[in-house]
Protein backbone atom coordinates (compact mmCIF):
# COMPACT_ATOMS: atom_id res chain seq x y z
CA UNK A 1 69.57 -38.96 254.39
CA UNK A 2 67.56 -40.68 257.07
CA UNK A 3 68.97 -41.06 260.54
CA UNK A 4 67.71 -44.65 260.47
CA UNK A 5 70.04 -45.48 257.60
CA UNK A 6 72.98 -44.54 259.78
CA UNK A 7 72.06 -47.54 261.92
CA UNK A 8 72.43 -50.02 259.03
CA UNK A 9 75.52 -52.21 258.93
CA UNK A 10 75.27 -53.78 255.45
CA UNK A 11 77.39 -56.59 254.05
CA UNK A 12 79.65 -54.26 252.10
CA UNK A 13 80.78 -50.67 251.74
CA UNK A 14 80.52 -48.74 248.49
CA UNK A 15 83.46 -46.48 247.75
CA UNK A 16 82.92 -44.47 244.58
CA UNK A 17 83.72 -41.20 242.94
CA UNK A 18 81.24 -38.95 241.16
CA UNK A 19 82.22 -36.24 238.73
CA UNK A 20 80.50 -33.00 239.70
CA UNK A 21 81.35 -29.68 238.04
CA UNK A 22 84.59 -31.06 236.67
CA UNK A 23 85.88 -32.26 240.04
CA UNK A 24 86.02 -35.65 241.66
CA UNK A 25 84.56 -36.24 245.04
CA UNK A 26 85.45 -39.41 246.88
CA UNK A 27 82.50 -40.60 248.90
CA UNK A 28 82.16 -43.53 251.26
CA UNK A 29 78.65 -44.45 252.26
CA UNK A 30 76.70 -47.45 253.36
CA UNK A 31 74.77 -49.43 250.77
CA UNK A 32 71.46 -47.79 251.58
CA UNK A 33 72.95 -44.31 251.50
CA UNK A 34 74.61 -45.05 248.17
CA UNK A 35 71.29 -45.99 246.59
CA UNK A 36 69.56 -42.85 247.88
CA UNK A 37 72.50 -40.68 246.78
CA UNK A 38 72.68 -42.13 243.28
CA UNK A 39 68.93 -41.78 242.75
CA UNK A 40 69.14 -38.10 243.66
CA UNK A 41 71.97 -37.61 241.14
CA UNK A 42 70.26 -39.58 238.38
CA UNK A 43 67.03 -37.64 238.89
CA UNK A 44 68.70 -34.31 238.14
CA UNK A 45 68.41 -32.95 234.54
CA UNK A 46 71.44 -33.95 232.50
CA UNK A 47 72.17 -33.42 228.79
CA UNK A 48 73.42 -36.99 228.32
CA UNK A 49 71.33 -40.14 228.38
CA UNK A 50 71.11 -42.20 231.54
CA UNK A 51 73.33 -44.94 230.03
CA UNK A 52 76.10 -42.40 229.37
CA UNK A 53 75.63 -40.99 232.86
CA UNK A 54 76.10 -44.46 234.30
CA UNK A 55 79.30 -44.99 232.31
CA UNK A 56 80.94 -41.58 232.62
CA UNK A 57 79.73 -40.01 235.85
CA UNK A 58 80.53 -43.01 238.02
CA UNK A 59 84.27 -43.11 237.61
CA UNK A 60 85.10 -45.80 240.11
CA UNK A 61 82.97 -48.33 241.96
CA UNK A 62 84.51 -50.80 244.38
CA UNK A 63 82.72 -53.17 246.68
CA UNK A 64 84.71 -54.14 249.77
CA UNK A 65 83.08 -57.19 251.29
CA UNK A 66 83.39 -57.59 255.02
CA UNK A 67 85.38 -60.67 255.97
CA UNK A 68 82.85 -61.76 258.59
CA UNK A 69 79.04 -61.60 258.60
CA UNK A 70 77.47 -58.54 260.28
CA UNK A 71 76.10 -60.66 263.10
CA UNK A 72 79.69 -61.24 264.23
CA UNK A 73 79.47 -57.80 265.84
CA UNK A 74 77.72 -59.56 268.69
CA UNK A 75 80.90 -61.43 269.61
CA UNK A 76 83.12 -58.34 269.60
CA UNK A 77 81.62 -57.02 272.81
CA UNK A 78 80.45 -59.36 275.57
CA UNK A 79 76.67 -59.48 275.24
CA UNK A 80 73.96 -61.69 276.61
CA UNK A 81 71.62 -62.98 273.92
CA UNK A 82 68.08 -62.71 275.28
CA UNK A 83 65.78 -63.83 272.45
CA UNK A 84 65.57 -64.08 268.68
CA UNK A 85 63.07 -64.95 265.99
CA UNK A 86 61.28 -63.82 262.87
CA UNK A 87 59.85 -60.30 262.71
CA UNK A 88 58.65 -57.76 260.16
CA UNK A 89 59.80 -54.16 260.14
CA UNK A 90 56.73 -52.06 259.32
CA UNK A 91 57.16 -48.80 257.40
CA UNK A 92 54.54 -46.62 255.71
CA UNK A 93 54.99 -48.16 252.26
CA UNK A 94 56.78 -51.42 252.98
CA UNK A 95 56.86 -54.48 255.20
CA UNK A 96 60.35 -55.99 255.50
CA UNK A 97 60.57 -59.54 256.87
CA UNK A 98 63.71 -60.59 258.68
CA UNK A 99 65.23 -62.01 261.84
CA UNK A 100 65.37 -60.03 265.07
CA UNK A 101 67.96 -60.70 267.76
CA UNK A 102 67.86 -58.96 271.14
CA UNK A 103 70.81 -58.79 273.51
CA UNK A 104 71.32 -56.91 276.74
CA UNK A 105 73.09 -54.15 274.79
CA UNK A 106 71.48 -53.89 271.35
CA UNK A 107 68.72 -54.96 268.99
CA UNK A 108 69.78 -56.54 265.69
CA UNK A 109 67.50 -56.90 262.68
CA UNK A 110 68.64 -58.63 259.51
CA UNK A 111 66.32 -58.29 256.52
CA UNK A 112 65.46 -61.23 254.25
CA UNK A 113 65.48 -60.71 250.49
CA UNK A 114 64.81 -63.62 248.13
CA UNK A 115 65.61 -66.04 250.91
CA UNK A 116 69.03 -64.51 251.63
CA UNK A 117 70.31 -62.26 254.41
CA UNK A 118 71.12 -58.89 252.87
CA UNK A 119 71.66 -56.24 255.48
CA UNK A 120 71.62 -55.79 259.21
CA UNK A 121 70.40 -52.91 261.33
CA UNK A 122 71.85 -52.38 264.79
CA UNK A 123 70.10 -50.28 267.42
CA UNK A 124 71.98 -49.70 270.67
CA UNK A 125 69.52 -49.86 273.54
CA UNK A 126 71.18 -46.79 275.06
CA UNK A 127 69.86 -44.82 272.05
CA UNK A 128 66.23 -45.88 272.65
CA UNK A 129 64.13 -43.25 274.39
CA UNK A 130 61.17 -45.54 275.08
CA UNK A 131 59.32 -48.57 273.79
CA UNK A 132 55.60 -49.29 273.55
CA UNK A 133 53.31 -52.16 272.64
CA UNK A 134 51.34 -51.45 269.47
CA UNK A 135 48.43 -52.95 267.61
CA UNK A 136 48.95 -53.85 263.96
CA UNK A 137 46.05 -54.96 261.80
CA UNK A 138 43.93 -54.93 264.99
CA UNK A 139 46.20 -57.45 266.74
CA UNK A 140 48.51 -56.85 269.70
CA UNK A 141 51.54 -58.12 267.83
CA UNK A 142 53.83 -55.09 267.42
CA UNK A 143 56.43 -53.12 269.35
CA UNK A 144 57.59 -49.59 268.53
CA UNK A 145 60.94 -48.14 269.55
CA UNK A 146 61.22 -44.36 269.79
CA UNK A 147 64.84 -43.32 269.34
CA UNK A 148 66.62 -40.38 270.92
CA UNK A 149 67.39 -39.23 267.37
CA UNK A 150 63.60 -38.58 267.05
CA UNK A 151 63.07 -41.49 264.67
CA UNK A 152 61.08 -44.62 265.43
CA UNK A 153 61.00 -48.28 264.41
CA UNK A 154 57.96 -50.55 264.36
CA UNK A 155 58.35 -54.34 264.45
CA UNK A 156 55.51 -56.83 263.95
CA UNK A 157 55.62 -60.43 265.14
CA UNK A 158 53.75 -63.56 264.08
CA UNK A 159 51.73 -63.78 267.29
CA UNK A 160 51.02 -61.90 270.48
CA UNK A 161 52.99 -64.60 272.32
CA UNK A 162 56.14 -63.90 270.30
CA UNK A 163 55.60 -60.19 270.83
CA UNK A 164 55.25 -60.68 274.59
CA UNK A 165 58.52 -62.61 274.78
CA UNK A 166 60.45 -59.77 273.12
CA UNK A 167 58.61 -57.17 275.19
CA UNK A 168 59.44 -58.96 278.45
CA UNK A 169 63.16 -58.57 277.76
CA UNK A 170 63.09 -55.22 275.94
CA UNK A 171 60.87 -53.04 278.13
CA UNK A 172 62.94 -53.16 281.36
CA UNK A 173 66.07 -52.18 279.41
CA UNK A 174 64.60 -49.22 277.53
CA UNK A 175 61.65 -47.69 279.37
CA UNK A 176 62.53 -45.00 281.88
CA UNK A 177 58.84 -44.63 282.82
CA UNK A 178 57.51 -47.68 284.61
CA UNK A 179 54.11 -46.21 285.51
CA UNK A 180 52.27 -45.15 282.35
CA UNK A 181 49.38 -43.69 284.36
CA UNK A 182 51.66 -41.25 286.14
CA UNK A 183 53.41 -40.41 282.87
CA UNK A 184 50.21 -39.50 281.03
CA UNK A 185 48.95 -37.53 284.02
CA UNK A 186 52.17 -35.52 283.92
CA UNK A 187 51.71 -34.90 280.17
CA UNK A 188 48.11 -33.71 280.69
CA UNK A 189 49.18 -31.29 283.43
CA UNK A 190 52.00 -30.01 281.24
CA UNK A 191 49.53 -29.29 278.44
CA UNK A 192 47.09 -27.57 280.79
CA UNK A 193 49.87 -25.34 282.09
CA UNK A 194 51.08 -24.45 278.59
CA UNK A 195 54.37 -26.35 278.86
CA UNK A 196 53.33 -28.73 276.05
CA UNK A 197 51.91 -27.52 272.75
CA UNK A 198 48.58 -28.70 271.36
CA UNK A 199 50.43 -30.52 268.59
CA UNK A 200 52.67 -32.54 270.91
CA UNK A 201 49.81 -33.21 273.31
CA UNK A 202 47.73 -34.67 270.47
CA UNK A 203 50.71 -36.78 269.40
CA UNK A 204 50.84 -38.20 272.93
CA UNK A 205 47.12 -39.01 272.77
CA UNK A 206 47.66 -40.75 269.43
CA UNK A 207 50.46 -42.79 270.96
CA UNK A 208 48.13 -43.85 273.78
CA UNK A 209 45.71 -45.09 271.09
CA UNK A 210 48.44 -47.23 269.42
CA UNK A 211 48.78 -44.89 266.46
CA UNK A 212 52.12 -44.56 264.68
CA UNK A 213 53.66 -42.70 261.74
CA UNK A 214 55.03 -46.09 260.63
CA UNK A 215 51.56 -47.63 260.16
CA UNK A 216 49.28 -46.15 257.50
CA UNK A 217 46.34 -48.14 258.88
CA UNK A 218 46.72 -46.40 262.26
CA UNK A 219 48.24 -43.07 261.27
CA UNK A 220 47.98 -40.23 263.84
CA UNK A 221 44.75 -38.25 263.55
CA UNK A 222 43.92 -34.69 264.54
CA UNK A 223 40.38 -33.43 265.21
CA UNK A 224 38.50 -30.88 263.14
CA UNK A 225 37.93 -28.03 265.58
CA UNK A 226 36.54 -25.21 263.40
CA UNK A 227 32.88 -24.84 262.51
CA UNK A 228 32.99 -21.43 260.81
CA UNK A 229 34.03 -21.82 257.17
CA UNK A 230 32.34 -18.70 255.79
CA UNK A 231 33.84 -15.74 257.69
CA UNK A 232 36.87 -13.99 256.20
CA UNK A 233 38.43 -13.81 259.66
CA UNK A 234 37.94 -16.10 262.65
CA UNK A 235 36.87 -14.79 266.02
CA UNK A 236 38.75 -17.10 268.38
CA UNK A 237 36.85 -15.67 271.35
CA UNK A 238 33.48 -16.78 269.98
CA UNK A 239 32.22 -20.27 270.92
CA UNK A 240 30.44 -20.43 267.55
CA UNK A 241 33.80 -20.57 265.80
CA UNK A 242 34.52 -24.03 267.17
CA UNK A 243 32.73 -27.32 266.60
CA UNK A 244 31.05 -29.33 269.32
CA UNK A 245 33.71 -31.85 270.37
CA UNK A 246 31.18 -33.93 272.32
CA UNK A 247 29.85 -35.32 269.01
CA UNK A 248 31.55 -37.06 266.09
CA UNK A 249 31.65 -35.31 262.71
CA UNK A 250 28.81 -37.47 261.41
CA UNK A 251 26.46 -36.27 264.16
CA UNK A 252 27.07 -32.52 263.93
CA UNK A 253 24.33 -31.89 261.36
CA UNK A 254 20.87 -33.02 262.50
CA UNK A 255 19.62 -33.63 258.96
CA UNK A 256 22.59 -35.80 258.04
CA UNK A 257 22.38 -37.71 261.31
CA UNK A 258 18.66 -38.34 260.72
CA UNK A 259 19.41 -39.94 257.34
CA UNK A 260 22.06 -42.17 258.88
CA UNK A 261 19.79 -43.27 261.73
CA UNK A 262 16.93 -44.04 259.32
CA UNK A 263 19.27 -46.15 257.16
CA UNK A 264 20.55 -47.92 260.28
CA UNK A 265 17.06 -49.05 261.34
CA UNK A 266 16.27 -50.33 257.85
CA UNK A 267 19.39 -52.54 257.68
CA UNK A 268 19.65 -56.25 258.25
CA UNK A 269 22.20 -57.48 260.78
CA UNK A 270 24.99 -56.65 261.22
CA UNK A 271 23.94 -52.99 261.38
CA UNK A 272 26.25 -49.99 261.30
CA UNK A 273 25.77 -46.24 261.56
CA UNK A 274 28.80 -45.02 259.60
CA UNK A 275 29.94 -46.80 256.44
CA UNK A 276 33.43 -45.29 256.38
CA UNK A 277 36.20 -44.71 258.91
CA UNK A 278 37.92 -41.41 259.60
CA UNK A 279 41.37 -42.95 259.12
CA UNK A 280 42.42 -45.40 256.40
CA UNK A 281 45.64 -45.85 254.38
CA UNK A 282 43.89 -44.41 251.30
CA UNK A 283 43.02 -41.19 253.15
CA UNK A 284 46.59 -40.82 254.40
CA UNK A 285 48.13 -41.33 250.96
CA UNK A 286 45.67 -39.55 248.69
CA UNK A 287 43.73 -36.94 250.72
């Protein structure tokens, strides 16, 4: 159960009962939670066929449609509509197009499926820890919201202009840190003093470089720091245990670097030294 799904306000509620160990359990979940829950049940070993499971295990299924569209939530509480337009919610394995509406209290995103509005996600701005501009596909067209629940949402826009319009209204209402230089200086000092772990410090550095767990093309990266792969135990006090961080991986071995440089000089334009990148979606998914 993802904390993000708790934010969804779909067009209907599923109320159903599932027979487990001879007892009925009445469950009320949102549409997205129902799908995840049913998949987990159907994936479990069962002596009957899936068709029988569908007929017998789901005893009752009722769909209660809401009388008004989800966007009517905006009118329930006085809110100032700031901007709206098309956007794409970027996740590791999916890109969901939809319409984004920003008010002075919340961000609304309604996904498009087959040309129809299907579900709406509502994020109260009070639950947003911070926001940041992000690159997506090498363009400054995305904004990421880090939630206080430790999740995050990444939205991509058609152009940098559209992104800037949303950012102009969103940033002052969500960012508690107005001076990024002072913030990162504070983070560096915290790491130097041992108040921030290496892991979290590296995550902050990745964030500075526009990397995000929502984008496989710019997934967070961590450096190789060990050079001793032969000893049974590592001597952490020996400098020889660690690699030279002043050079990239491709330049650590003189022989390998010499081959790359020789190939570079023999190339026609445009020339390049390294033919692969250290971070690609394929590496993230299949390494």
